[in-house]
Amino acid sequence: MDSEIVCKGVEEIMPNISDMHLFINVFYWEDGLVSNNRSSETTEQVKMRLSDIPNLLVYNDITYELRGVISFQPAQSKLRTSSGHYNAYAIRGTKNWQLFDDLKKKPTPIKENKKISIELLVYTI
């Protein structure tokens, strides 16, 4: 085998952390205690109204705007690793929410006072 053969079309992919996006996993730790002895799979889901989620976040002197929320409905075991169903809630403007559910054909308008289980928050600059 010739060690000087060059493969064309091969690219080296380097990880790059973007400061344009902020993804926040939301967990509730009982008594506020975070420990390596606890599993995030058994944490209680955080439920709140869409209107109570901050529209703006400042992190490292960068202001991020809320773009959406990912919600997870677990199966009967209530574990995060169990089978279940994810939904996406996107915000249009400052108060217009839409539910994107792959079990439905079209997005559904949602009132901002709807209480949902929050799994992930998505912010961008």
N, C-alpha and C. Protein backbone atom coordinates (compact mmCIF):
# COMPACT_ATOMS: atom_id res chain seq x y z
N MET A 1 0.85 -1.18 0.00
CA MET A 1 0.00 0.00 0.00
C MET A 1 0.89 1.23 0.00
N ASP A 2 0.63 2.14 -0.89
CA ASP A 2 1.43 3.35 -1.02
C ASP A 2 0.96 4.38 0.01
N SER A 3 1.86 4.82 0.91
CA SER A 3 1.50 5.76 1.97
C SER A 3 1.35 7.19 1.46
N GLU A 4 1.67 7.44 0.20
CA GLU A 4 1.56 8.79 -0.33
C GLU A 4 0.29 9.01 -1.14
N ILE A 5 -0.62 8.06 -1.10
CA ILE A 5 -1.89 8.24 -1.80
C ILE A 5 -2.75 9.21 -1.00
N VAL A 6 -3.29 10.20 -1.68
CA VAL A 6 -4.14 11.19 -1.04
C VAL A 6 -5.59 10.92 -1.43
N CYS A 7 -6.43 10.79 -0.43
CA CYS A 7 -7.87 10.60 -0.69
C CYS A 7 -8.50 11.96 -0.97
N LYS A 8 -9.11 12.08 -2.12
CA LYS A 8 -9.78 13.33 -2.46
C LYS A 8 -11.20 13.30 -1.93
N GLY A 9 -11.70 14.45 -1.53
CA GLY A 9 -13.06 14.53 -1.04
C GLY A 9 -13.21 14.27 0.45
N VAL A 10 -12.11 13.99 1.14
CA VAL A 10 -12.18 13.76 2.58
C VAL A 10 -11.94 15.08 3.29
N GLU A 11 -12.81 15.41 4.21
CA GLU A 11 -12.67 16.65 4.95
C GLU A 11 -12.47 16.36 6.42
N GLU A 12 -11.73 17.22 7.05
CA GLU A 12 -11.59 17.13 8.50
C GLU A 12 -12.64 18.04 9.12
N ILE A 13 -13.44 17.49 10.01
CA ILE A 13 -14.49 18.27 10.65
C ILE A 13 -14.02 18.66 12.04
N MET A 14 -14.01 19.95 12.28
CA MET A 14 -13.58 20.46 13.58
C MET A 14 -14.79 21.00 14.33
N PRO A 15 -14.92 20.65 15.62
CA PRO A 15 -16.04 21.20 16.39
C PRO A 15 -15.88 22.71 16.56
N ASN A 16 -16.99 23.40 16.50
CA ASN A 16 -16.98 24.85 16.65
C ASN A 16 -18.18 25.23 17.51
N ILE A 17 -17.93 25.91 18.60
CA ILE A 17 -19.02 26.32 19.47
C ILE A 17 -19.48 27.70 19.03
N SER A 18 -20.76 27.77 18.68
CA SER A 18 -21.34 29.03 18.22
C SER A 18 -21.88 29.82 19.40
N ASP A 19 -21.63 31.12 19.40
CA ASP A 19 -22.22 31.97 20.43
C ASP A 19 -23.54 32.57 19.94
N MET A 20 -24.03 32.08 18.79
CA MET A 20 -25.28 32.59 18.25
C MET A 20 -26.50 31.84 18.78
N HIS A 21 -26.28 30.68 19.39
CA HIS A 21 -27.38 29.85 19.89
C HIS A 21 -27.13 29.48 21.34
N LEU A 22 -28.22 29.35 22.07
CA LEU A 22 -28.15 28.94 23.47
C LEU A 22 -29.25 27.90 23.68
N PHE A 23 -28.85 26.68 24.04
CA PHE A 23 -29.78 25.59 24.30
C PHE A 23 -29.72 25.28 25.79
N ILE A 24 -30.86 25.28 26.45
CA ILE A 24 -30.89 25.08 27.90
C ILE A 24 -31.76 23.87 28.22
N ASN A 25 -31.12 22.81 28.76
CA ASN A 25 -31.87 21.67 29.29
C ASN A 25 -32.46 22.08 30.62
N VAL A 26 -33.71 21.80 30.84
CA VAL A 26 -34.39 22.22 32.06
C VAL A 26 -34.64 21.00 32.95
N PHE A 27 -34.05 21.03 34.16
CA PHE A 27 -34.22 19.96 35.14
C PHE A 27 -34.71 20.54 36.45
N TYR A 28 -35.42 19.75 37.21
CA TYR A 28 -35.80 20.13 38.57
C TYR A 28 -35.15 19.13 39.51
N TRP A 29 -34.25 19.62 40.35
CA TRP A 29 -33.59 18.77 41.34
C TRP A 29 -34.27 18.99 42.67
N GLU A 30 -34.81 17.92 43.23
CA GLU A 30 -35.49 17.99 44.52
C GLU A 30 -34.58 18.60 45.56
N ASP A 31 -35.09 19.53 46.33
CA ASP A 31 -34.34 20.26 47.36
C ASP A 31 -33.18 21.06 46.79
N GLY A 32 -33.13 21.24 45.47
CA GLY A 32 -32.07 22.02 44.85
C GLY A 32 -30.70 21.36 44.90
N LEU A 33 -30.66 20.07 45.20
CA LEU A 33 -29.38 19.38 45.34
C LEU A 33 -29.00 18.69 44.04
N VAL A 34 -27.89 19.13 43.46
CA VAL A 34 -27.36 18.49 42.26
C VAL A 34 -26.22 17.60 42.71
N SER A 35 -26.23 16.36 42.26
CA SER A 35 -25.23 15.40 42.73
C SER A 35 -24.91 14.41 41.62
N ASN A 36 -23.68 13.90 41.64
CA ASN A 36 -23.30 12.86 40.68
C ASN A 36 -24.01 11.55 40.98
N ASN A 37 -24.59 11.43 42.17
CA ASN A 37 -25.29 10.20 42.55
C ASN A 37 -26.74 10.19 42.08
N ARG A 38 -27.17 11.24 41.41
CA ARG A 38 -28.54 11.34 40.93
C ARG A 38 -28.57 11.24 39.41
N SER A 39 -29.62 10.67 38.90
CA SER A 39 -29.76 10.55 37.46
C SER A 39 -30.72 11.61 36.93
N SER A 40 -30.33 12.26 35.85
CA SER A 40 -31.22 13.24 35.23
C SER A 40 -32.44 12.55 34.62
N GLU A 41 -32.36 11.24 34.45
CA GLU A 41 -33.49 10.49 33.87
C GLU A 41 -34.68 10.43 34.81
N THR A 42 -34.45 10.61 36.10
CA THR A 42 -35.54 10.49 37.07
C THR A 42 -35.97 11.84 37.64
N THR A 43 -35.41 12.93 37.14
CA THR A 43 -35.81 14.24 37.65
C THR A 43 -37.25 14.55 37.24
N GLU A 44 -37.89 15.32 38.08
CA GLU A 44 -39.27 15.72 37.81
C GLU A 44 -39.28 16.72 36.66
N GLN A 45 -40.31 16.64 35.82
CA GLN A 45 -40.41 17.60 34.72
C GLN A 45 -40.85 18.96 35.25
N VAL A 46 -40.30 20.00 34.64
CA VAL A 46 -40.66 21.37 34.99
C VAL A 46 -41.85 21.77 34.13
N LYS A 47 -42.92 22.22 34.78
CA LYS A 47 -44.10 22.67 34.06
C LYS A 47 -44.29 24.16 34.32
N MET A 48 -44.49 24.91 33.25
CA MET A 48 -44.76 26.33 33.40
C MET A 48 -45.51 26.86 32.19
N ARG A 49 -46.09 28.03 32.38
CA ARG A 49 -46.81 28.69 31.28
C ARG A 49 -45.79 29.25 30.29
N LEU A 50 -46.15 29.21 29.03
CA LEU A 50 -45.28 29.78 28.00
C LEU A 50 -45.00 31.25 28.28
N SER A 51 -45.99 31.97 28.79
CA SER A 51 -45.82 33.40 29.08
C SER A 51 -44.84 33.66 30.22
N ASP A 52 -44.55 32.65 31.05
CA ASP A 52 -43.63 32.82 32.18
C ASP A 52 -42.17 32.55 31.82
N ILE A 53 -41.92 32.09 30.61
CA ILE A 53 -40.55 31.84 30.17
C ILE A 53 -39.94 33.17 29.74
N PRO A 54 -38.75 33.52 30.24
CA PRO A 54 -38.15 34.81 29.86
C PRO A 54 -37.93 34.92 28.35
N ASN A 55 -38.39 36.02 27.76
CA ASN A 55 -38.19 36.26 26.33
C ASN A 55 -36.75 36.60 26.00
N LEU A 56 -36.05 37.23 26.94
CA LEU A 56 -34.65 37.61 26.72
C LEU A 56 -33.78 37.04 27.83
N LEU A 57 -32.58 36.62 27.46
CA LEU A 57 -31.58 36.15 28.41
C LEU A 57 -30.26 36.81 28.07
N VAL A 58 -29.52 37.22 29.06
CA VAL A 58 -28.18 37.76 28.84
C VAL A 58 -27.19 36.77 29.41
N TYR A 59 -26.26 36.31 28.57
CA TYR A 59 -25.23 35.35 28.97
C TYR A 59 -23.92 35.79 28.34
N ASN A 60 -22.89 35.94 29.16
CA ASN A 60 -21.57 36.41 28.67
C ASN A 60 -21.70 37.72 27.89
N ASP A 61 -22.51 38.63 28.40
CA ASP A 61 -22.73 39.95 27.79
C ASP A 61 -23.39 39.89 26.41
N ILE A 62 -24.01 38.76 26.08
CA ILE A 62 -24.73 38.62 24.81
C ILE A 62 -26.21 38.44 25.15
N THR A 63 -27.08 39.20 24.47
CA THR A 63 -28.52 39.08 24.70
C THR A 63 -29.11 38.08 23.70
N TYR A 64 -29.79 37.09 24.24
CA TYR A 64 -30.43 36.04 23.44
C TYR A 64 -31.94 36.19 23.52
N GLU A 65 -32.62 35.87 22.41
CA GLU A 65 -34.08 35.95 22.34
C GLU A 65 -34.68 34.55 22.25
N LEU A 66 -35.73 34.32 23.01
CA LEU A 66 -36.40 33.02 23.01
C LEU A 66 -36.98 32.73 21.63
N ARG A 67 -36.71 31.55 21.11
CA ARG A 67 -37.23 31.14 19.80
C ARG A 67 -38.19 29.96 19.91
N GLY A 68 -37.99 29.12 20.94
CA GLY A 68 -38.87 27.98 21.05
C GLY A 68 -38.61 27.14 22.28
N VAL A 69 -39.49 26.16 22.46
CA VAL A 69 -39.45 25.26 23.60
C VAL A 69 -39.70 23.84 23.08
N ILE A 70 -38.92 22.89 23.58
CA ILE A 70 -39.16 21.49 23.29
C ILE A 70 -39.81 20.87 24.52
N SER A 71 -40.89 20.15 24.30
CA SER A 71 -41.63 19.51 25.38
C SER A 71 -41.60 18.01 25.17
N PHE A 72 -41.55 17.25 26.27
CA PHE A 72 -41.53 15.79 26.19
C PHE A 72 -42.65 15.23 27.05
N GLN A 73 -43.45 14.37 26.47
CA GLN A 73 -44.49 13.66 27.21
C GLN A 73 -44.03 12.22 27.37
N PRO A 74 -43.59 11.84 28.58
CA PRO A 74 -43.08 10.48 28.77
C PRO A 74 -44.19 9.44 28.72
N ALA A 75 -43.79 8.20 28.52
CA ALA A 75 -44.73 7.08 28.59
C ALA A 75 -45.06 6.82 30.05
N GLN A 76 -45.73 5.76 30.34
CA GLN A 76 -46.21 5.49 31.70
C GLN A 76 -45.10 5.37 32.73
N SER A 77 -43.89 4.98 32.34
CA SER A 77 -42.80 4.83 33.31
C SER A 77 -42.35 6.17 33.87
N LYS A 78 -42.67 7.27 33.17
CA LYS A 78 -42.30 8.64 33.57
C LYS A 78 -40.80 8.91 33.50
N LEU A 79 -40.00 7.99 32.97
CA LEU A 79 -38.57 8.22 32.82
C LEU A 79 -38.30 8.96 31.52
N ARG A 80 -37.27 9.79 31.53
CA ARG A 80 -36.93 10.55 30.32
C ARG A 80 -36.40 9.65 29.21
N THR A 81 -35.86 8.49 29.57
CA THR A 81 -35.34 7.59 28.54
C THR A 81 -36.42 6.68 27.99
N SER A 82 -37.59 6.70 28.62
CA SER A 82 -38.68 5.85 28.14
C SER A 82 -39.18 6.39 26.80
N SER A 83 -39.93 5.55 26.13
CA SER A 83 -40.54 6.07 24.91
C SER A 83 -41.55 7.13 25.31
N GLY A 84 -41.76 8.03 24.45
CA GLY A 84 -42.67 9.14 24.72
C GLY A 84 -42.83 9.95 23.46
N HIS A 85 -43.24 11.20 23.61
CA HIS A 85 -43.49 12.03 22.44
C HIS A 85 -42.97 13.45 22.67
N TYR A 86 -42.21 13.94 21.70
CA TYR A 86 -41.70 15.31 21.74
C TYR A 86 -42.60 16.23 20.92
N ASN A 87 -42.76 17.45 21.40
CA ASN A 87 -43.45 18.51 20.66
C ASN A 87 -42.56 19.75 20.68
N ALA A 88 -42.70 20.58 19.65
CA ALA A 88 -41.97 21.84 19.60
C ALA A 88 -42.97 22.99 19.62
N TYR A 89 -42.66 23.99 20.43
CA TYR A 89 -43.46 25.21 20.51
C TYR A 89 -42.58 26.35 20.01
N ALA A 90 -43.01 27.03 18.96
CA ALA A 90 -42.24 28.15 18.40
C ALA A 90 -42.97 29.44 18.69
N ILE A 91 -42.21 30.48 19.01
CA ILE A 91 -42.80 31.78 19.28
C ILE A 91 -42.61 32.67 18.05
N ARG A 92 -43.67 33.32 17.64
CA ARG A 92 -43.65 34.25 16.51
C ARG A 92 -43.91 35.63 17.09
N GLY A 93 -43.00 36.54 16.93
CA GLY A 93 -43.14 37.86 17.55
C GLY A 93 -42.91 37.72 19.04
N THR A 94 -43.73 38.38 19.84
CA THR A 94 -43.52 38.32 21.29
C THR A 94 -44.54 37.46 22.02
N LYS A 95 -45.70 37.19 21.40
CA LYS A 95 -46.74 36.45 22.12
C LYS A 95 -47.45 35.39 21.31
N ASN A 96 -47.12 35.24 20.05
CA ASN A 96 -47.82 34.28 19.20
C ASN A 96 -47.08 32.95 19.19
N TRP A 97 -47.68 31.95 19.82
CA TRP A 97 -47.07 30.63 19.92
C TRP A 97 -47.76 29.65 18.97
N GLN A 98 -46.96 28.72 18.43
CA GLN A 98 -47.48 27.64 17.59
C GLN A 98 -46.92 26.32 18.09
N LEU A 99 -47.78 25.30 18.08
CA LEU A 99 -47.37 23.95 18.44
C LEU A 99 -47.08 23.18 17.16
N PHE A 100 -45.89 22.59 17.09
CA PHE A 100 -45.52 21.71 15.98
C PHE A 100 -45.48 20.29 16.53
N ASP A 101 -46.44 19.49 16.08
CA ASP A 101 -46.61 18.12 16.56
C ASP A 101 -46.61 17.22 15.33
N ASP A 102 -45.70 16.27 15.27
CA ASP A 102 -45.61 15.43 14.07
C ASP A 102 -46.82 14.50 13.91
N LEU A 103 -47.69 14.45 14.91
CA LEU A 103 -48.92 13.66 14.78
C LEU A 103 -50.05 14.48 14.14
N LYS A 104 -49.78 15.76 13.89
CA LYS A 104 -50.78 16.63 13.27
C LYS A 104 -50.24 17.13 11.93
N LYS A 105 -51.15 17.47 11.03
CA LYS A 105 -50.74 17.89 9.69
C LYS A 105 -50.22 19.32 9.64
N LYS A 106 -50.74 20.19 10.52
CA LYS A 106 -50.37 21.61 10.48
C LYS A 106 -50.03 22.10 11.88
N PRO A 107 -49.25 23.19 11.95
CA PRO A 107 -49.01 23.82 13.26
C PRO A 107 -50.33 24.31 13.86
N THR A 108 -50.39 24.29 15.18
CA THR A 108 -51.59 24.71 15.90
C THR A 108 -51.29 25.96 16.71
N PRO A 109 -52.10 27.03 16.57
CA PRO A 109 -51.90 28.20 17.44
C PRO A 109 -52.15 27.81 18.90
N ILE A 110 -51.32 28.35 19.79
CA ILE A 110 -51.40 28.03 21.22
C ILE A 110 -51.45 29.33 22.01
N LYS A 111 -52.28 29.39 23.02
CA LYS A 111 -52.35 30.57 23.88
C LYS A 111 -51.13 30.61 24.79
N GLU A 112 -50.64 31.82 25.05
CA GLU A 112 -49.42 31.97 25.83
C GLU A 112 -49.59 31.56 27.30
N ASN A 113 -50.82 31.40 27.77
CA ASN A 113 -51.02 30.98 29.15
C ASN A 113 -51.07 29.46 29.30
N LYS A 114 -50.82 28.73 28.21
CA LYS A 114 -50.79 27.26 28.25
C LYS A 114 -49.60 26.80 29.09
N LYS A 115 -49.86 25.85 29.98
CA LYS A 115 -48.82 25.28 30.83
C LYS A 115 -48.32 23.99 30.17
N ILE A 116 -47.00 23.90 29.98
CA ILE A 116 -46.42 22.72 29.33
C ILE A 116 -45.25 22.19 30.15
N SER A 117 -44.87 20.94 29.87
CA SER A 117 -43.67 20.35 30.45
C SER A 117 -42.48 20.77 29.59
N ILE A 118 -41.50 21.41 30.21
CA ILE A 118 -40.37 21.95 29.45
C ILE A 118 -39.17 21.00 29.54
N GLU A 119 -38.64 20.66 28.39
CA GLU A 119 -37.45 19.81 28.31
C GLU A 119 -36.24 20.65 27.89
N LEU A 120 -36.44 21.54 26.92
CA LEU A 120 -35.33 22.29 26.34
C LEU A 120 -35.83 23.67 25.90
N LEU A 121 -35.04 24.71 26.19
CA LEU A 121 -35.32 26.07 25.73
C LEU A 121 -34.32 26.42 24.64
N VAL A 122 -34.78 27.10 23.60
CA VAL A 122 -33.92 27.48 22.48
C VAL A 122 -33.92 29.00 22.36
N TYR A 123 -32.71 29.59 22.45
CA TYR A 123 -32.52 31.04 22.31
C TYR A 123 -31.51 31.29 21.20
N THR A 124 -31.67 32.42 20.49
CA THR A 124 -30.68 32.86 19.50
C THR A 124 -30.46 34.36 19.64
N ILE A 125 -29.36 34.84 19.03
CA ILE A 125 -29.12 36.28 19.07
C ILE A 125 -29.84 36.94 17.92
